[in-house]
PDB file of N, CA and C in Angstrom:
ATOM      1  N   MET A   1     169.167  90.566 156.657  1.00  0.00           N
ATOM      2  CA  MET A   1     167.883  90.802 156.032  1.00  0.00           C
ATOM      3  C   MET A   1     166.984  89.581 156.212  1.00  0.00           C
ATOM      4  N   VAL A   2     165.718  89.871 156.434  1.00  0.00           N
ATOM      5  CA  VAL A   2     164.716  88.821 156.499  1.00  0.00           C
ATOM      6  C   VAL A   2     163.934  88.905 155.204  1.00  0.00           C
ATOM      7  N   ARG A   3     163.781  87.795 154.532  1.00  0.00           N
ATOM      8  CA  ARG A   3     163.063  87.784 153.263  1.00  0.00           C
ATOM      9  C   ARG A   3     161.693  87.169 153.455  1.00  0.00           C
ATOM     10  N   GLY A   4     160.751  87.678 152.720  1.00  0.00           N
ATOM     11  CA  GLY A   4     159.406  87.142 152.775  1.00  0.00           C
ATOM     12  C   GLY A   4     158.680  87.453 151.489  1.00  0.00           C
ATOM     13  N   PHE A   5     157.516  86.906 151.340  1.00  0.00           N
ATOM     14  CA  PHE A   5     156.725  87.141 150.148  1.00  0.00           C
ATOM     15  C   PHE A   5     155.429  87.816 150.525  1.00  0.00           C
ATOM     16  N   TYR A   6     154.902  88.586 149.587  1.00  0.00           N
ATOM     17  CA  TYR A   6     153.604  89.213 149.781  1.00  0.00           C
ATOM     18  C   TYR A   6     152.772  89.012 148.528  1.00  0.00           C
ATOM     19  N   GLN A   7     151.472  89.053 148.692  1.00  0.00           N
ATOM     20  CA  GLN A   7     150.532  88.862 147.590  1.00  0.00           C
ATOM     21  C   GLN A   7     150.328  90.183 146.863  1.00  0.00           C
ATOM     22  N   THR A   8     150.441  90.195 145.545  1.00  0.00           N
ATOM     23  CA  THR A   8     150.196  91.406 144.771  1.00  0.00           C
ATOM     24  C   THR A   8     148.720  91.463 144.394  1.00  0.00           C
ATOM     25  N   GLU A   9     148.287  92.615 143.910  1.00  0.00           N
ATOM     26  CA  GLU A   9     146.872  92.783 143.563  1.00  0.00           C
ATOM     27  C   GLU A   9     146.429  91.831 142.456  1.00  0.00           C
ATOM     28  N   ASP A  10     147.334  91.509 141.534  1.00  0.00           N
ATOM     29  CA  ASP A  10     146.965  90.641 140.425  1.00  0.00           C
ATOM     30  C   ASP A  10     147.124  89.153 140.747  1.00  0.00           C
ATOM     31  N   GLY A  11     147.356  88.836 142.013  1.00  0.00           N
ATOM     32  CA  GLY A  11     147.449  87.448 142.436  1.00  0.00           C
ATOM     33  C   GLY A  11     148.857  86.893 142.413  1.00  0.00           C
ATOM     34  N   GLY A  12     149.814  87.670 141.986  1.00  0.00           N
ATOM     35  CA  GLY A  12     151.202  87.220 141.958  1.00  0.00           C
ATOM     36  C   GLY A  12     151.842  87.335 143.328  1.00  0.00           C
ATOM     37  N   ARG A  13     153.132  87.044 143.361  1.00  0.00           N
ATOM     38  CA  ARG A  13     153.867  87.145 144.611  1.00  0.00           C
ATOM     39  C   ARG A  13     155.051  88.069 144.410  1.00  0.00           C
ATOM     40  N   GLY A  14     155.338  88.837 145.407  1.00  0.00           N
ATOM     41  CA  GLY A  14     156.484  89.729 145.379  1.00  0.00           C
ATOM     42  C   GLY A  14     157.408  89.408 146.536  1.00  0.00           C
ATOM     43  N   LEU A  15     158.672  89.716 146.354  1.00  0.00           N
ATOM     44  CA  LEU A  15     159.664  89.469 147.403  1.00  0.00           C
ATOM     45  C   LEU A  15     159.893  90.754 148.171  1.00  0.00           C
ATOM     46  N   ILE A  16     159.945  90.640 149.482  1.00  0.00           N
ATOM     47  CA  ILE A  16     160.228  91.804 150.317  1.00  0.00           C
ATOM     48  C   ILE A  16     161.384  91.447 151.242  1.00  0.00           C
ATOM     49  N   GLU A  17     162.295  92.391 151.389  1.00  0.00           N
ATOM     50  CA  GLU A  17     163.408  92.201 152.305  1.00  0.00           C
ATOM     51  C   GLU A  17     163.320  93.259 153.390  1.00  0.00           C
ATOM     52  N   VAL A  18     163.370  92.820 154.628  1.00  0.00           N
ATOM     53  CA  VAL A  18     163.252  93.717 155.768  1.00  0.00           C
ATOM     54  C   VAL A  18     164.521  93.588 156.602  1.00  0.00           C
ATOM     55  N   PRO A  19     165.110  94.712 156.995  1.00  0.00           N
ATOM     56  CA  PRO A  19     166.289  94.613 157.859  1.00  0.00           C
ATOM     57  C   PRO A  19     165.960  93.802 159.114  1.00  0.00           C
ATOM     58  N   TYR A  20     166.847  92.892 159.498  1.00  0.00           N
ATOM     59  CA  TYR A  20     166.603  91.991 160.618  1.00  0.00           C
ATOM     60  C   TYR A  20     166.297  92.744 161.909  1.00  0.00           C
ATOM     61  N   SER A  21     167.037  93.810 162.175  1.00  0.00           N
ATOM     62  CA  SER A  21     166.828  94.538 163.437  1.00  0.00           C
ATOM     63  C   SER A  21     165.419  95.103 163.505  1.00  0.00           C
ATOM     64  N   TRP A  22     164.920  95.629 162.387  1.00  0.00           N
ATOM     65  CA  TRP A  22     163.561  96.182 162.369  1.00  0.00           C
ATOM     66  C   TRP A  22     162.540  95.066 162.560  1.00  0.00           C
ATOM     67  N   SER A  23     162.760  93.962 161.859  1.00  0.00           N
ATOM     68  CA  SER A  23     161.837  92.837 161.947  1.00  0.00           C
ATOM     69  C   SER A  23     161.778  92.297 163.375  1.00  0.00           C
ATOM     70  N   LYS A  24     162.951  92.131 163.996  1.00  0.00           N
ATOM     71  CA  LYS A  24     163.005  91.609 165.357  1.00  0.00           C
ATOM     72  C   LYS A  24     162.300  92.556 166.325  1.00  0.00           C
ATOM     73  N   GLU A  25     162.549  93.855 166.174  1.00  0.00           N
ATOM     74  CA  GLU A  25     161.922  94.856 167.043  1.00  0.00           C
ATOM     75  C   GLU A  25     160.400  94.826 166.881  1.00  0.00           C
ATOM     76  N   PHE A  26     159.939  94.714 165.649  1.00  0.00           N
ATOM     77  CA  PHE A  26     158.508  94.674 165.364  1.00  0.00           C
ATOM     78  C   PHE A  26     157.867  93.446 165.993  1.00  0.00           C
ATOM     79  N   LEU A  27     158.503  92.295 165.840  1.00  0.00           N
ATOM     80  CA  LEU A  27     157.953  91.059 166.408  1.00  0.00           C
ATOM     81  C   LEU A  27     157.930  91.105 167.929  1.00  0.00           C
ATOM     82  N   GLU A  28     158.982  91.635 168.532  1.00  0.00           N
ATOM     83  CA  GLU A  28     159.023  91.737 169.991  1.00  0.00           C
ATOM     84  C   GLU A  28     157.916  92.661 170.501  1.00  0.00           C
ATOM     85  N   ALA A  29     157.703  93.781 169.810  1.00  0.00           N
ATOM     86  CA  ALA A  29     156.635  94.705 170.212  1.00  0.00           C
ATOM     87  C   ALA A  29     155.277  94.021 170.105  1.00  0.00           C
ATOM     88  N   GLY A  30     155.085  93.225 169.057  1.00  0.00           N
ATOM     89  CA  GLY A  30     153.831  92.492 168.888  1.00  0.00           C
ATOM     90  C   GLY A  30     153.607  91.485 170.008  1.00  0.00           C
ATOM     91  N   LYS A  31     154.666  90.793 170.389  1.00  0.00           N
ATOM     92  CA  LYS A  31     154.558  89.821 171.488  1.00  0.00           C
ATOM     93  C   LYS A  31     154.181  90.513 172.792  1.00  0.00           C
ATOM     94  N   LYS A  32     154.817  91.644 173.070  1.00  0.00           N
ATOM     95  CA  LYS A  32     154.508  92.385 174.299  1.00  0.00           C
ATOM     96  C   LYS A  32     153.057  92.854 174.289  1.00  0.00           C
ATOM     97  N   ARG A  33     152.609  93.336 173.128  1.00  0.00           N
ATOM     98  CA  ARG A  33     151.238  93.837 173.013  1.00  0.00           C
ATOM     99  C   ARG A  33     150.237  92.711 173.250  1.00  0.00           C
ATOM    100  N   LEU A  34     150.525  91.555 172.678  1.00  0.00           N
ATOM    101  CA  LEU A  34     149.635  90.406 172.871  1.00  0.00           C
ATOM    102  C   LEU A  34     149.624  89.944 174.318  1.00  0.00           C
ATOM    103  N   ALA A  35     150.723  90.165 174.998  1.00  0.00           N
ATOM    104  CA  ALA A  35     150.816  89.765 176.406  1.00  0.00           C
ATOM    105  C   ALA A  35     150.138  90.777 177.322  1.00  0.00           C
ATOM    106  N   GLY A  36     149.610  91.855 176.763  1.00  0.00           N
ATOM    107  CA  GLY A  36     148.888  92.829 177.572  1.00  0.00           C
ATOM    108  C   GLY A  36     149.675  94.063 177.927  1.00  0.00           C
ATOM    109  N   ASP A  37     150.873  94.213 177.397  1.00  0.00           N
ATOM    110  CA  ASP A  37     151.684  95.401 177.663  1.00  0.00           C
ATOM    111  C   ASP A  37     151.141  96.543 176.811  1.00  0.00           C
ATOM    112  N   THR A  38     150.484  97.487 177.446  1.00  0.00           N
ATOM    113  CA  THR A  38     149.877  98.594 176.703  1.00  0.00           C
ATOM    114  C   THR A  38     150.615  99.900 176.899  1.00  0.00           C
ATOM    115  N   ALA A  39     151.820  99.841 177.450  1.00  0.00           N
ATOM    116  CA  ALA A  39     152.594 101.069 177.680  1.00  0.00           C
ATOM    117  C   ALA A  39     152.927 101.716 176.337  1.00  0.00           C
ATOM    118  N   ARG A  40     152.850 103.000 176.302  1.00  0.00           N
ATOM    119  CA  ARG A  40     153.155 103.749 175.093  1.00  0.00           C
ATOM    120  C   ARG A  40     154.405 104.573 175.329  1.00  0.00           C
ATOM    121  N   GLN A  41     155.146 104.846 174.247  1.00  0.00           N
ATOM    122  CA  GLN A  41     156.345 105.650 174.377  1.00  0.00           C
ATOM    123  C   GLN A  41     155.998 107.134 174.485  1.00  0.00           C
ATOM    124  N   ALA A  42     154.936 107.555 173.853  1.00  0.00           N
ATOM    125  CA  ALA A  42     154.561 108.970 173.877  1.00  0.00           C
ATOM    126  C   ALA A  42     153.842 109.291 175.184  1.00  0.00           C
ATOM    127  N   SER A  43     154.183 110.415 175.770  1.00  0.00           N
ATOM    128  CA  SER A  43     153.525 110.831 177.002  1.00  0.00           C
ATOM    129  C   SER A  43     152.249 111.588 176.658  1.00  0.00           C
ATOM    130  N   SER A  44     151.421 111.776 177.641  1.00  0.00           N
ATOM    131  CA  SER A  44     150.163 112.482 177.444  1.00  0.00           C
ATOM    132  C   SER A  44     150.369 113.906 176.914  1.00  0.00           C
ATOM    133  N   PRO A  45     151.301 114.691 177.470  1.00  0.00           N
ATOM    134  CA  PRO A  45     151.527 116.034 176.918  1.00  0.00           C
ATOM    135  C   PRO A  45     151.983 115.999 175.458  1.00  0.00           C
ATOM    136  N   GLU A  46     152.788 114.998 175.102  1.00  0.00           N
ATOM    137  CA  GLU A  46     153.233 114.879 173.710  1.00  0.00           C
ATOM    138  C   GLU A  46     152.055 114.597 172.789  1.00  0.00           C
ATOM    139  N   VAL A  47     151.170 113.724 173.236  1.00  0.00           N
ATOM    140  CA  VAL A  47     150.005 113.384 172.441  1.00  0.00           C
ATOM    141  C   VAL A  47     149.113 114.613 172.259  1.00  0.00           C
ATOM    142  N   LYS A  48     148.901 115.361 173.340  1.00  0.00           N
ATOM    143  CA  LYS A  48     148.079 116.572 173.252  1.00  0.00           C
ATOM    144  C   LYS A  48     148.692 117.574 172.282  1.00  0.00           C
ATOM    145  N   THR A  49     150.015 117.736 172.360  1.00  0.00           N
ATOM    146  CA  THR A  49     150.707 118.660 171.453  1.00  0.00           C
ATOM    147  C   THR A  49     150.549 118.211 170.004  1.00  0.00           C
ATOM    148  N   LEU A  50     150.688 116.927 169.762  1.00  0.00           N
ATOM    149  CA  LEU A  50     150.538 116.404 168.407  1.00  0.00           C
ATOM    150  C   LEU A  50     149.112 116.568 167.886  1.00  0.00           C
ATOM    151  N   ARG A  51     148.145 116.392 168.763  1.00  0.00           N
ATOM    152  CA  ARG A  51     146.748 116.571 168.341  1.00  0.00           C
ATOM    153  C   ARG A  51     146.472 118.020 167.961  1.00  0.00           C
ATOM    154  N   VAL A  52     146.995 118.960 168.762  1.00  0.00           N
ATOM    155  CA  VAL A  52     146.816 120.380 168.453  1.00  0.00           C
ATOM    156  C   VAL A  52     147.495 120.701 167.119  1.00  0.00           C
ATOM    157  N   GLU A  53     148.696 120.178 166.931  1.00  0.00           N
ATOM    158  CA  GLU A  53     149.421 120.417 165.689  1.00  0.00           C
ATOM    159  C   GLU A  53     148.663 119.840 164.491  1.00  0.00           C
ATOM    160  N   ALA A  54     148.121 118.649 164.650  1.00  0.00           N
ATOM    161  CA  ALA A  54     147.353 118.017 163.575  1.00  0.00           C
ATOM    162  C   ALA A  54     146.111 118.844 163.244  1.00  0.00           C
ATOM    163  N   ARG A  55     145.422 119.331 164.279  1.00  0.00           N
ATOM    164  CA  ARG A  55     144.238 120.164 164.050  1.00  0.00           C
ATOM    165  C   ARG A  55     144.603 121.443 163.300  1.00  0.00           C
ATOM    166  N   ASP A  56     145.700 122.085 163.721  1.00  0.00           N
ATOM    167  CA  ASP A  56     146.146 123.313 163.065  1.00  0.00           C
ATOM    168  C   ASP A  56     146.509 123.065 161.604  1.00  0.00           C
ATOM    169  N   LEU A  57     147.163 121.936 161.342  1.00  0.00           N
ATOM    170  CA  LEU A  57     147.520 121.609 159.961  1.00  0.00           C
ATOM    171  C   LEU A  57     146.279 121.344 159.110  1.00  0.00           C
ATOM    172  N   LYS A  58     145.288 120.671 159.691  1.00  0.00           N
ATOM    173  CA  LYS A  58     144.040 120.420 158.964  1.00  0.00           C
ATOM    174  C   LYS A  58     143.340 121.729 158.631  1.00  0.00           C
ATOM    175  N   GLU A  59     143.326 122.659 159.589  1.00  0.00           N
ATOM    176  CA  GLU A  59     142.716 123.977 159.341  1.00  0.00           C
ATOM    177  C   GLU A  59     143.445 124.721 158.231  1.00  0.00           C
ATOM    178  N   ALA A  60     144.774 124.702 158.283  1.00  0.00           N
ATOM    179  CA  ALA A  60     145.567 125.387 157.268  1.00  0.00           C
ATOM    180  C   ALA A  60     145.314 124.785 155.893  1.00  0.00           C
ATOM    181  N   LEU A  61     145.225 123.470 155.829  1.00  0.00           N
ATOM    182  CA  LEU A  61     144.947 122.802 154.564  1.00  0.00           C
ATOM    183  C   LEU A  61     143.565 123.179 154.043  1.00  0.00           C
ATOM    184  N   ALA A  62     142.580 123.189 154.923  1.00  0.00           N
ATOM    185  CA  ALA A  62     141.219 123.553 154.515  1.00  0.00           C
ATOM    186  C   ALA A  62     141.174 124.984 153.981  1.00  0.00           C
ATOM    187  N   GLU A  63     141.887 125.885 154.629  1.00  0.00           N
ATOM    188  CA  GLU A  63     141.928 127.268 154.163  1.00  0.00           C
ATOM    189  C   GLU A  63     142.571 127.361 152.779  1.00  0.00           C
ATOM    190  N   GLN A  64     143.634 126.622 152.556  1.00  0.00           N
ATOM    191  CA  GLN A  64     144.302 126.637 151.252  1.00  0.00           C
ATOM    192  C   GLN A  64     143.396 126.077 150.163  1.00  0.00           C
ATOM    193  N   ILE A  65     142.655 125.019 150.491  1.00  0.00           N
ATOM    194  CA  ILE A  65     141.726 124.440 149.518  1.00  0.00           C
ATOM    195  C   ILE A  65     140.656 125.454 149.147  1.00  0.00           C
ATOM    196  N   LEU A  66     140.105 126.143 150.146  1.00  0.00           N
ATOM    197  CA  LEU A  66     139.081 127.148 149.865  1.00  0.00           C
ATOM    198  C   LEU A  66     139.639 128.295 149.029  1.00  0.00           C
ATOM    199  N   GLU A  67     140.848 128.757 149.375  1.00  0.00           N
ATOM    200  CA  GLU A  67     141.463 129.842 148.608  1.00  0.00           C
ATOM    201  C   GLU A  67     141.691 129.409 147.165  1.00  0.00           C
ATOM    202  N   ASN A  68     142.138 128.183 146.953  1.00  0.00           N
ATOM    203  CA  ASN A  68     142.350 127.684 145.589  1.00  0.00           C
ATOM    204  C   ASN A  68     141.052 127.605 144.811  1.00  0.00           C
ATOM    205  N   ARG A  69     139.990 127.151 145.465  1.00  0.00           N
ATOM    206  CA  ARG A  69     138.688 127.091 144.785  1.00  0.00           C
ATOM    207  C   ARG A  69     138.205 128.477 144.390  1.00  0.00           C
ATOM    208  N   LEU A  70     138.356 129.426 145.316  1.00  0.00           N
ATOM    209  CA  LEU A  70     137.946 130.794 145.010  1.00  0.00           C
ATOM    210  C   LEU A  70     138.776 131.374 143.868  1.00  0.00           C
ATOM    211  N   LEU A  71     140.052 131.112 143.861  1.00  0.00           N
ATOM    212  CA  LEU A  71     140.928 131.595 142.806  1.00  0.00           C
ATOM    213  C   LEU A  71     140.535 130.990 141.471  1.00  0.00           C
ATOM    214  N   LYS A  72     140.254 129.698 141.439  1.00  0.00           N
ATOM    215  CA  LYS A  72     139.840 129.038 140.200  1.00  0.00           C
ATOM    216  C   LYS A  72     138.538 129.635 139.689  1.00  0.00           C
ATOM    217  N   LYS A  73     137.574 129.855 140.608  1.00  0.00           N
ATOM    218  CA  LYS A  73     136.292 130.431 140.206  1.00  0.00           C
ATOM    219  C   LYS A  73     136.472 131.834 139.651  1.00  0.00           C
ATOM    220  N   SER A  74     137.339 132.623 140.262  1.00  0.00           N
ATOM    221  CA  SER A  74     137.550 133.979 139.785  1.00  0.00           C
ATOM    222  C   SER A  74     138.234 133.993 138.433  1.00  0.00           C
ATOM    223  N   MET A  75     139.013 132.981 138.131  1.00  0.00           N
ATOM    224  CA  MET A  75     139.708 132.927 136.846  1.00  0.00           C
ATOM    225  C   MET A  75     138.811 132.442 135.718  1.00  0.00           C
ATOM    226  N   ILE A  76     137.811 131.590 136.033  1.00  0.00           N
ATOM    227  CA  ILE A  76     136.924 131.071 134.986  1.00  0.00           C
ATOM    228  C   ILE A  76     135.563 131.757 134.991  1.00  0.00           C
ATOM    229  N   GLY A  77     135.403 132.721 135.819  1.00  0.00           N
ATOM    230  CA  GLY A  77     134.117 133.429 135.888  1.00  0.00           C
ATOM    231  C   GLY A  77     133.182 132.744 136.836  1.00  0.00           C
ATOM    232  N   ASP A  78     131.901 132.792 136.510  1.00  0.00           N
ATOM    233  CA  ASP A  78     130.906 132.218 137.425  1.00  0.00           C
ATOM    234  C   ASP A  78     130.686 130.737 137.206  1.00  0.00           C
ATOM    235  N   GLY A  79     131.397 130.140 136.257  1.00  0.00           N
ATOM    236  CA  GLY A  79     131.264 128.720 136.034  1.00  0.00           C
ATOM    237  C   GLY A  79     130.166 128.366 135.059  1.00  0.00           C
ATOM    238  N   GLY A  80     129.484 129.366 134.503  1.00  0.00           N
ATOM    239  CA  GLY A  80     128.425 129.104 133.536  1.00  0.00           C
ATOM    240  C   GLY A  80     128.996 128.888 132.154  1.00  0.00           C
ATOM    241  N   ASP A  81     128.088 128.702 131.177  1.00  0.00           N
ATOM    242  CA  ASP A  81     128.513 128.523 129.782  1.00  0.00           C
ATOM    243  C   ASP A  81     129.133 129.802 129.275  1.00  0.00           C
ATOM    244  N   GLU A  82     130.191 129.665 128.495  1.00  0.00           N
ATOM    245  CA  GLU A  82     130.883 130.833 127.983  1.00  0.00           C
ATOM    246  C   GLU A  82     130.577 131.016 126.501  1.00  0.00           C
ATOM    247  N   GLU A  83     129.317 131.145 126.134  1.00  0.00           N
ATOM    248  CA  GLU A  83     128.924 131.327 124.737  1.00  0.00           C
ATOM    249  C   GLU A  83     128.605 132.763 124.439  1.00  0.00           C
TER     250      GLU A  83
END
């Protein structure tokens, strides 16, 4: 484990422990990136597939939000005063 400290919102310090293998991998990737290595693990078709999937999920979420709003409105009436 690699130990380190981080700043908390209230100005204090917290202890964080990171598995050494993850830390080493992260640092090595950072060094390669700084050296100009811009190779990515994901291929172009994978990225396109993920983008389509993300778009579809966003659409599905938007539809659910609209359905929930309509359901809430139908349950409380037109939203006016109930006197």
